[in-house]
PDB file of all heavy atoms in Angstrom:
ATOM      1  N   PHE A   1      54.045 140.451 112.134  1.00  0.00           N
ATOM      2  CA  PHE A   1      53.826 140.525 113.534  1.00  0.00           C
ATOM      3  C   PHE A   1      52.535 139.802 113.928  1.00  0.00           C
ATOM      4  O   PHE A   1      52.093 139.859 115.164  1.00  0.00           O
ATOM      5  CB  PHE A   1      53.692 141.999 113.952  1.00  0.00           C
ATOM      6  CG  PHE A   1      52.676 142.744 113.277  1.00  0.00           C
ATOM      7  CD1 PHE A   1      51.316 142.730 113.626  1.00  0.00           C
ATOM      8  CD2 PHE A   1      53.025 143.546 112.116  1.00  0.00           C
ATOM      9  CE1 PHE A   1      50.361 143.484 112.930  1.00  0.00           C
ATOM     10  CE2 PHE A   1      52.098 144.240 111.425  1.00  0.00           C
ATOM     11  CZ  PHE A   1      50.785 144.247 111.838  1.00  0.00           C
ATOM     12  N   PHE A   2      51.816 139.089 113.083  1.00  0.00           N
ATOM     13  CA  PHE A   2      50.593 138.489 113.424  1.00  0.00           C
ATOM     14  C   PHE A   2      50.772 137.368 114.458  1.00  0.00           C
ATOM     15  O   PHE A   2      50.050 137.272 115.484  1.00  0.00           O
ATOM     16  CB  PHE A   2      49.878 137.932 112.175  1.00  0.00           C
ATOM     17  CG  PHE A   2      49.252 139.039 111.390  1.00  0.00           C
ATOM     18  CD1 PHE A   2      49.882 139.452 110.205  1.00  0.00           C
ATOM     19  CD2 PHE A   2      48.141 139.721 111.811  1.00  0.00           C
ATOM     20  CE1 PHE A   2      49.317 140.508 109.471  1.00  0.00           C
ATOM     21  CE2 PHE A   2      47.623 140.712 110.984  1.00  0.00           C
ATOM     22  CZ  PHE A   2      48.237 141.126 109.854  1.00  0.00           C
ATOM     23  N   PHE A   3      51.705 136.445 114.247  1.00  0.00           N
ATOM     24  CA  PHE A   3      51.991 135.458 115.304  1.00  0.00           C
ATOM     25  C   PHE A   3      53.404 134.934 115.089  1.00  0.00           C
ATOM     26  O   PHE A   3      53.949 134.960 113.976  1.00  0.00           O
ATOM     27  CB  PHE A   3      50.910 134.337 115.347  1.00  0.00           C
ATOM     28  CG  PHE A   3      50.761 133.556 114.107  1.00  0.00           C
ATOM     29  CD1 PHE A   3      51.530 132.406 113.877  1.00  0.00           C
ATOM     30  CD2 PHE A   3      49.921 134.018 113.044  1.00  0.00           C
ATOM     31  CE1 PHE A   3      51.372 131.687 112.716  1.00  0.00           C
ATOM     32  CE2 PHE A   3      49.802 133.311 111.911  1.00  0.00           C
ATOM     33  CZ  PHE A   3      50.531 132.102 111.718  1.00  0.00           C
ATOM     34  N   GLU A   4      53.911 134.304 116.159  1.00  0.00           N
ATOM     35  CA  GLU A   4      55.265 133.826 116.176  1.00  0.00           C
ATOM     36  C   GLU A   4      55.301 132.383 116.734  1.00  0.00           C
ATOM     37  O   GLU A   4      54.639 132.146 117.729  1.00  0.00           O
ATOM     38  CB  GLU A   4      56.214 134.727 116.936  1.00  0.00           C
ATOM     39  CG  GLU A   4      57.574 134.156 117.188  1.00  0.00           C
ATOM     40  CD  GLU A   4      58.461 135.034 118.065  1.00  0.00           C
ATOM     41  OE1 GLU A   4      58.424 136.277 117.881  1.00  0.00           O
ATOM     42  OE2 GLU A   4      59.064 134.551 119.065  1.00  0.00           O
ATOM     43  N   THR A   5      55.981 131.525 116.068  1.00  0.00           N
ATOM     44  CA  THR A   5      56.211 130.155 116.568  1.00  0.00           C
ATOM     45  C   THR A   5      57.677 129.996 116.880  1.00  0.00           C
ATOM     46  O   THR A   5      58.557 130.562 116.206  1.00  0.00           O
ATOM     47  CB  THR A   5      55.710 129.046 115.651  1.00  0.00           C
ATOM     48  OG1 THR A   5      56.457 129.217 114.364  1.00  0.00           O
ATOM     49  CG2 THR A   5      54.241 129.222 115.367  1.00  0.00           C
ATOM     50  N   ARG A   6      57.978 129.232 117.967  1.00  0.00           N
ATOM     51  CA  ARG A   6      59.327 129.075 118.364  1.00  0.00           C
ATOM     52  C   ARG A   6      59.586 127.638 118.886  1.00  0.00           C
ATOM     53  O   ARG A   6      58.756 127.116 119.647  1.00  0.00           O
ATOM     54  CB  ARG A   6      59.600 130.126 119.487  1.00  0.00           C
ATOM     55  CG  ARG A   6      61.019 129.996 120.065  1.00  0.00           C
ATOM     56  CD  ARG A   6      61.390 131.267 120.780  1.00  0.00           C
ATOM     57  NE  ARG A   6      60.362 131.687 121.735  1.00  0.00           N
ATOM     58  CZ  ARG A   6      60.382 131.443 123.015  1.00  0.00           C
ATOM     59  NH1 ARG A   6      61.338 130.764 123.512  1.00  0.00           N
ATOM     60  NH2 ARG A   6      59.470 131.907 123.841  1.00  0.00           N
ATOM     61  N   LEU A   7      60.645 127.043 118.466  1.00  0.00           N
ATOM     62  CA  LEU A   7      61.099 125.778 118.963  1.00  0.00           C
ATOM     63  C   LEU A   7      62.571 125.928 119.456  1.00  0.00           C
ATOM     64  O   LEU A   7      63.331 126.741 118.815  1.00  0.00           O
ATOM     65  CB  LEU A   7      61.067 124.687 117.886  1.00  0.00           C
ATOM     66  CG  LEU A   7      59.695 124.221 117.406  1.00  0.00           C
ATOM     67  CD1 LEU A   7      59.875 123.155 116.254  1.00  0.00           C
ATOM     68  CD2 LEU A   7      58.934 123.560 118.557  1.00  0.00           C
ATOM     69  N   GLU A   8      62.957 125.236 120.421  1.00  0.00           N
ATOM     70  CA  GLU A   8      64.344 125.362 120.929  1.00  0.00           C
ATOM     71  C   GLU A   8      64.744 124.057 121.595  1.00  0.00           C
ATOM     72  O   GLU A   8      63.923 123.300 122.115  1.00  0.00           O
ATOM     73  CB  GLU A   8      64.500 126.508 121.872  1.00  0.00           C
ATOM     74  CG  GLU A   8      63.577 126.426 123.122  1.00  0.00           C
ATOM     75  CD  GLU A   8      63.783 127.667 124.035  1.00  0.00           C
ATOM     76  OE1 GLU A   8      63.294 128.703 123.660  1.00  0.00           O
ATOM     77  OE2 GLU A   8      64.354 127.501 125.101  1.00  0.00           O
ATOM     78  N   THR A   9      66.007 123.797 121.602  1.00  0.00           N
ATOM     79  CA  THR A   9      66.605 122.637 122.241  1.00  0.00           C
ATOM     80  C   THR A   9      68.077 122.969 122.626  1.00  0.00           C
ATOM     81  O   THR A   9      68.762 123.627 121.899  1.00  0.00           O
ATOM     82  CB  THR A   9      66.505 121.386 121.349  1.00  0.00           C
ATOM     83  OG1 THR A   9      66.898 120.251 122.140  1.00  0.00           O
ATOM     84  CG2 THR A   9      67.400 121.499 120.166  1.00  0.00           C
ATOM     85  N   GLU A  10      68.459 122.451 123.744  1.00  0.00           N
ATOM     86  CA  GLU A  10      69.852 122.667 124.168  1.00  0.00           C
ATOM     87  C   GLU A  10      70.801 121.626 123.433  1.00  0.00           C
ATOM     88  O   GLU A  10      70.299 120.595 123.126  1.00  0.00           O
ATOM     89  CB  GLU A  10      69.956 122.549 125.712  1.00  0.00           C
ATOM     90  CG  GLU A  10      69.267 123.598 126.473  1.00  0.00           C
ATOM     91  CD  GLU A  10      69.573 123.491 127.950  1.00  0.00           C
ATOM     92  OE1 GLU A  10      70.331 122.625 128.377  1.00  0.00           O
ATOM     93  OE2 GLU A  10      69.013 124.329 128.679  1.00  0.00           O
ATOM     94  N   TYR A  11      71.968 122.013 123.310  1.00  0.00           N
ATOM     95  CA  TYR A  11      72.967 121.163 122.570  1.00  0.00           C
ATOM     96  C   TYR A  11      73.127 119.777 123.306  1.00  0.00           C
ATOM     97  O   TYR A  11      73.281 118.771 122.636  1.00  0.00           O
ATOM     98  CB  TYR A  11      74.313 121.806 122.470  1.00  0.00           C
ATOM     99  CG  TYR A  11      74.289 123.064 121.612  1.00  0.00           C
ATOM    100  CD1 TYR A  11      74.740 124.327 122.101  1.00  0.00           C
ATOM    101  CD2 TYR A  11      73.820 123.008 120.256  1.00  0.00           C
ATOM    102  CE1 TYR A  11      74.724 125.418 121.312  1.00  0.00           C
ATOM    103  CE2 TYR A  11      73.740 124.215 119.554  1.00  0.00           C
ATOM    104  CZ  TYR A  11      74.146 125.365 120.011  1.00  0.00           C
ATOM    105  OH  TYR A  11      74.183 126.540 119.254  1.00  0.00           O
ATOM    106  N   LYS A  12      73.017 119.799 124.620  1.00  0.00           N
ATOM    107  CA  LYS A  12      73.198 118.493 125.350  1.00  0.00           C
ATOM    108  C   LYS A  12      72.091 117.576 125.160  1.00  0.00           C
ATOM    109  O   LYS A  12      72.214 116.388 125.428  1.00  0.00           O
ATOM    110  CB  LYS A  12      73.325 118.871 126.833  1.00  0.00           C
ATOM    111  CG  LYS A  12      72.047 119.511 127.480  1.00  0.00           C
ATOM    112  CD  LYS A  12      72.296 119.735 128.981  1.00  0.00           C
ATOM    113  CE  LYS A  12      71.014 120.334 129.626  1.00  0.00           C
ATOM    114  NZ  LYS A  12      71.202 120.635 131.050  1.00  0.00           N
ATOM    115  N   SER A  13      70.939 118.116 124.572  1.00  0.00           N
ATOM    116  CA  SER A  13      69.800 117.243 124.330  1.00  0.00           C
ATOM    117  C   SER A  13      69.752 116.606 122.965  1.00  0.00           C
ATOM    118  O   SER A  13      68.882 115.830 122.585  1.00  0.00           O
ATOM    119  CB  SER A  13      68.529 117.970 124.541  1.00  0.00           C
ATOM    120  OG  SER A  13      68.444 118.460 125.872  1.00  0.00           O
ATOM    121  N   ILE A  14      70.726 116.981 122.108  1.00  0.00           N
ATOM    122  CA  ILE A  14      70.747 116.564 120.753  1.00  0.00           C
ATOM    123  C   ILE A  14      71.242 115.076 120.688  1.00  0.00           C
ATOM    124  O   ILE A  14      72.279 114.780 121.190  1.00  0.00           O
ATOM    125  CB  ILE A  14      71.679 117.458 119.877  1.00  0.00           C
ATOM    126  CG1 ILE A  14      71.061 118.911 119.793  1.00  0.00           C
ATOM    127  CG2 ILE A  14      71.850 116.867 118.451  1.00  0.00           C
ATOM    128  CD1 ILE A  14      71.935 119.843 119.037  1.00  0.00           C
ATOM    129  N   ARG A  15      70.436 114.223 120.056  1.00  0.00           N
ATOM    130  CA  ARG A  15      70.774 112.803 119.898  1.00  0.00           C
ATOM    131  C   ARG A  15      71.491 112.555 118.614  1.00  0.00           C
ATOM    132  O   ARG A  15      72.435 111.792 118.520  1.00  0.00           O
ATOM    133  CB  ARG A  15      69.492 111.975 120.021  1.00  0.00           C
ATOM    134  CG  ARG A  15      69.769 110.479 119.965  1.00  0.00           C
ATOM    135  CD  ARG A  15      68.437 109.751 120.055  1.00  0.00           C
ATOM    136  NE  ARG A  15      67.580 110.051 118.959  1.00  0.00           N
ATOM    137  CZ  ARG A  15      66.316 109.669 118.868  1.00  0.00           C
ATOM    138  NH1 ARG A  15      65.748 108.987 119.813  1.00  0.00           N
ATOM    139  NH2 ARG A  15      65.596 110.037 117.839  1.00  0.00           N
ATOM    140  N   ASP A  16      71.045 113.230 117.543  1.00  0.00           N
ATOM    141  CA  ASP A  16      71.633 112.927 116.231  1.00  0.00           C
ATOM    142  C   ASP A  16      71.290 114.054 115.253  1.00  0.00           C
ATOM    143  O   ASP A  16      70.337 114.814 115.497  1.00  0.00           O
ATOM    144  CB  ASP A  16      71.073 111.622 115.707  1.00  0.00           C
ATOM    145  CG  ASP A  16      71.904 111.107 114.490  1.00  0.00           C
ATOM    146  OD1 ASP A  16      73.022 111.650 114.267  1.00  0.00           O
ATOM    147  OD2 ASP A  16      71.444 110.184 113.779  1.00  0.00           O
ATOM    148  N   THR A  17      72.076 114.193 114.216  1.00  0.00           N
ATOM    149  CA  THR A  17      71.761 115.194 113.154  1.00  0.00           C
ATOM    150  C   THR A  17      71.869 114.458 111.781  1.00  0.00           C
ATOM    151  O   THR A  17      72.746 113.635 111.624  1.00  0.00           O
ATOM    152  CB  THR A  17      72.774 116.411 113.241  1.00  0.00           C
ATOM    153  OG1 THR A  17      74.153 115.833 113.054  1.00  0.00           O
ATOM    154  CG2 THR A  17      72.691 117.134 114.492  1.00  0.00           C
ATOM    155  N   LYS A  18      70.992 114.822 110.978  1.00  0.00           N
ATOM    156  CA  LYS A  18      70.930 114.242 109.618  1.00  0.00           C
ATOM    157  C   LYS A  18      70.743 115.443 108.598  1.00  0.00           C
ATOM    158  O   LYS A  18      70.044 116.359 108.854  1.00  0.00           O
ATOM    159  CB  LYS A  18      69.796 113.250 109.499  1.00  0.00           C
ATOM    160  CG  LYS A  18      69.998 112.029 110.393  1.00  0.00           C
ATOM    161  CD  LYS A  18      68.798 111.058 110.186  1.00  0.00           C
ATOM    162  CE  LYS A  18      68.989 109.808 111.115  1.00  0.00           C
ATOM    163  NZ  LYS A  18      67.838 108.925 110.981  1.00  0.00           N
ATOM    164  N   VAL A  19      71.287 115.204 107.428  1.00  0.00           N
ATOM    165  CA  VAL A  19      71.184 116.114 106.317  1.00  0.00           C
ATOM    166  C   VAL A  19      70.453 115.435 105.159  1.00  0.00           C
ATOM    167  O   VAL A  19      70.800 114.322 104.822  1.00  0.00           O
ATOM    168  CB  VAL A  19      72.518 116.693 105.835  1.00  0.00           C
ATOM    169  CG1 VAL A  19      72.374 117.499 104.577  1.00  0.00           C
ATOM    170  CG2 VAL A  19      73.177 117.471 106.981  1.00  0.00           C
ATOM    171  N   LYS A  20      69.427 116.113 104.627  1.00  0.00           N
ATOM    172  CA  LYS A  20      68.671 115.613 103.447  1.00  0.00           C
ATOM    173  C   LYS A  20      68.643 116.701 102.416  1.00  0.00           C
ATOM    174  O   LYS A  20      68.350 117.848 102.718  1.00  0.00           O
ATOM    175  CB  LYS A  20      67.246 115.158 103.866  1.00  0.00           C
ATOM    176  CG  LYS A  20      67.246 113.951 104.731  1.00  0.00           C
ATOM    177  CD  LYS A  20      65.856 113.481 105.027  1.00  0.00           C
ATOM    178  CE  LYS A  20      65.761 112.252 105.888  1.00  0.00           C
ATOM    179  NZ  LYS A  20      64.395 111.804 106.178  1.00  0.00           N
ATOM    180  N   VAL A  21      68.924 116.333 101.156  1.00  0.00           N
ATOM    181  CA  VAL A  21      68.903 117.248 100.018  1.00  0.00           C
ATOM    182  C   VAL A  21      67.762 116.738  99.131  1.00  0.00           C
ATOM    183  O   VAL A  21      67.806 115.627  98.585  1.00  0.00           O
ATOM    184  CB  VAL A  21      70.182 117.298  99.318  1.00  0.00           C
ATOM    185  CG1 VAL A  21      70.129 118.229  98.149  1.00  0.00           C
ATOM    186  CG2 VAL A  21      71.373 117.646 100.239  1.00  0.00           C
ATOM    187  N   PRO A  22      66.699 117.617  98.942  1.00  0.00           N
ATOM    188  CA  PRO A  22      65.491 117.105  98.214  1.00  0.00           C
ATOM    189  C   PRO A  22      65.732 116.737  96.777  1.00  0.00           C
ATOM    190  O   PRO A  22      65.080 115.779  96.265  1.00  0.00           O
ATOM    191  CB  PRO A  22      64.504 118.306  98.380  1.00  0.00           C
ATOM    192  CG  PRO A  22      65.021 119.050  99.501  1.00  0.00           C
ATOM    193  CD  PRO A  22      66.517 118.940  99.480  1.00  0.00           C
ATOM    194  N   ASN A  23      66.582 117.527  96.035  1.00  0.00           N
ATOM    195  CA  ASN A  23      66.653 117.251  94.620  1.00  0.00           C
ATOM    196  C   ASN A  23      68.027 117.601  94.091  1.00  0.00           C
ATOM    197  O   ASN A  23      68.903 118.137  94.825  1.00  0.00           O
ATOM    198  CB  ASN A  23      65.576 118.120  93.828  1.00  0.00           C
ATOM    199  CG  ASN A  23      65.570 119.519  94.235  1.00  0.00           C
ATOM    200  OD1 ASN A  23      66.652 120.186  94.050  1.00  0.00           O
ATOM    201  ND2 ASN A  23      64.529 120.074  94.731  1.00  0.00           N
ATOM    202  N   ILE A  24      68.264 117.309  92.831  1.00  0.00           N
ATOM    203  CA  ILE A  24      69.575 117.507  92.207  1.00  0.00           C
ATOM    204  C   ILE A  24      69.941 118.978  92.133  1.00  0.00           C
ATOM    205  O   ILE A  24      71.117 119.304  92.375  1.00  0.00           O
ATOM    206  CB  ILE A  24      69.616 116.840  90.834  1.00  0.00           C
ATOM    207  CG1 ILE A  24      69.405 115.356  90.901  1.00  0.00           C
ATOM    208  CG2 ILE A  24      70.904 117.150  90.066  1.00  0.00           C
ATOM    209  CD1 ILE A  24      69.321 114.678  89.561  1.00  0.00           C
ATOM    210  N   LEU A  25      69.032 119.832  91.869  1.00  0.00           N
ATOM    211  CA  LEU A  25      69.265 121.271  91.755  1.00  0.00           C
ATOM    212  C   LEU A  25      69.816 121.792  93.088  1.00  0.00           C
ATOM    213  O   LEU A  25      70.797 122.523  93.203  1.00  0.00           O
ATOM    214  CB  LEU A  25      68.046 121.989  91.333  1.00  0.00           C
ATOM    215  CG  LEU A  25      68.195 123.552  91.308  1.00  0.00           C
ATOM    216  CD1 LEU A  25      69.255 123.974  90.341  1.00  0.00           C
ATOM    217  CD2 LEU A  25      66.878 124.237  90.943  1.00  0.00           C
ATOM    218  N   GLU A  26      69.130 121.431  94.190  1.00  0.00           N
ATOM    219  CA  GLU A  26      69.570 121.892  95.506  1.00  0.00           C
ATOM    220  C   GLU A  26      70.834 121.279  95.947  1.00  0.00           C
ATOM    221  O   GLU A  26      71.643 121.886  96.663  1.00  0.00           O
ATOM    222  CB  GLU A  26      68.397 121.626  96.525  1.00  0.00           C
ATOM    223  CG  GLU A  26      67.188 122.457  96.280  1.00  0.00           C
ATOM    224  CD  GLU A  26      66.199 122.393  97.449  1.00  0.00           C
ATOM    225  OE1 GLU A  26      66.541 121.899  98.499  1.00  0.00           O
ATOM    226  OE2 GLU A  26      65.071 122.934  97.239  1.00  0.00           O
ATOM    227  N   ARG A  27      71.147 120.136  95.470  1.00  0.00           N
ATOM    228  CA  ARG A  27      72.525 119.506  95.733  1.00  0.00           C
ATOM    229  C   ARG A  27      73.546 120.226  94.971  1.00  0.00           C
ATOM    230  O   ARG A  27      74.601 120.504  95.538  1.00  0.00           O
ATOM    231  CB  ARG A  27      72.518 117.994  95.317  1.00  0.00           C
ATOM    232  CG  ARG A  27      73.824 117.267  95.592  1.00  0.00           C
ATOM    233  CD  ARG A  27      73.702 115.854  95.229  1.00  0.00           C
ATOM    234  NE  ARG A  27      72.852 115.135  96.150  1.00  0.00           N
ATOM    235  CZ  ARG A  27      73.182 114.751  97.397  1.00  0.00           C
ATOM    236  NH1 ARG A  27      74.415 114.969  97.836  1.00  0.00           N
ATOM    237  NH2 ARG A  27      72.260 114.065  98.139  1.00  0.00           N
ATOM    238  N   PHE A  28      73.258 120.678  93.745  1.00  0.00           N
ATOM    239  CA  PHE A  28      74.200 121.484  92.997  1.00  0.00           C
ATOM    240  C   PHE A  28      74.485 122.856  93.674  1.00  0.00           C
ATOM    241  O   PHE A  28      75.553 123.343  93.737  1.00  0.00           O
ATOM    242  CB  PHE A  28      73.697 121.654  91.554  1.00  0.00           C
ATOM    243  CG  PHE A  28      74.526 122.595  90.772  1.00  0.00           C
ATOM    244  CD1 PHE A  28      75.729 122.135  90.198  1.00  0.00           C
ATOM    245  CD2 PHE A  28      74.120 123.846  90.474  1.00  0.00           C
ATOM    246  CE1 PHE A  28      76.502 122.972  89.453  1.00  0.00           C
ATOM    247  CE2 PHE A  28      74.895 124.695  89.696  1.00  0.00           C
ATOM    248  CZ  PHE A  28      76.132 124.313  89.220  1.00  0.00           C
ATOM    249  N   LEU A  29      73.345 123.484  94.265  1.00  0.00           N
ATOM    250  CA  LEU A  29      73.466 124.716  94.933  1.00  0.00           C
ATOM    251  C   LEU A  29      73.891 124.619  96.336  1.00  0.00           C
ATOM    252  O   LEU A  29      74.114 125.620  97.040  1.00  0.00           O
ATOM    253  CB  LEU A  29      72.127 125.443  94.873  1.00  0.00           C
ATOM    254  CG  LEU A  29      71.527 125.780  93.460  1.00  0.00           C
ATOM    255  CD1 LEU A  29      70.186 126.351  93.589  1.00  0.00           C
ATOM    256  CD2 LEU A  29      72.481 126.785  92.814  1.00  0.00           C
ATOM    257  N   ASP A  30      74.143 123.382  96.866  1.00  0.00           N
ATOM    258  CA  ASP A  30      74.574 123.122  98.210  1.00  0.00           C
ATOM    259  C   ASP A  30      73.517 123.663  99.238  1.00  0.00           C
ATOM    260  O   ASP A  30      73.815 124.404 100.145  1.00  0.00           O
ATOM    261  CB  ASP A  30      75.889 123.735  98.524  1.00  0.00           C
ATOM    262  CG  ASP A  30      76.541 123.094  99.785  1.00  0.00           C
ATOM    263  OD1 ASP A  30      75.970 122.044 100.230  1.00  0.00           O
ATOM    264  OD2 ASP A  30      77.557 123.659 100.235  1.00  0.00           O
TER     265      ASP A  30
END
């Protein structure tokens, strides 16, 4: 409860989406 940060955006404002997987282990774990 010390502090809260918040970001938001509407779907109509989305220009693009990208997926990045940092390493092989996380790719294996999806």
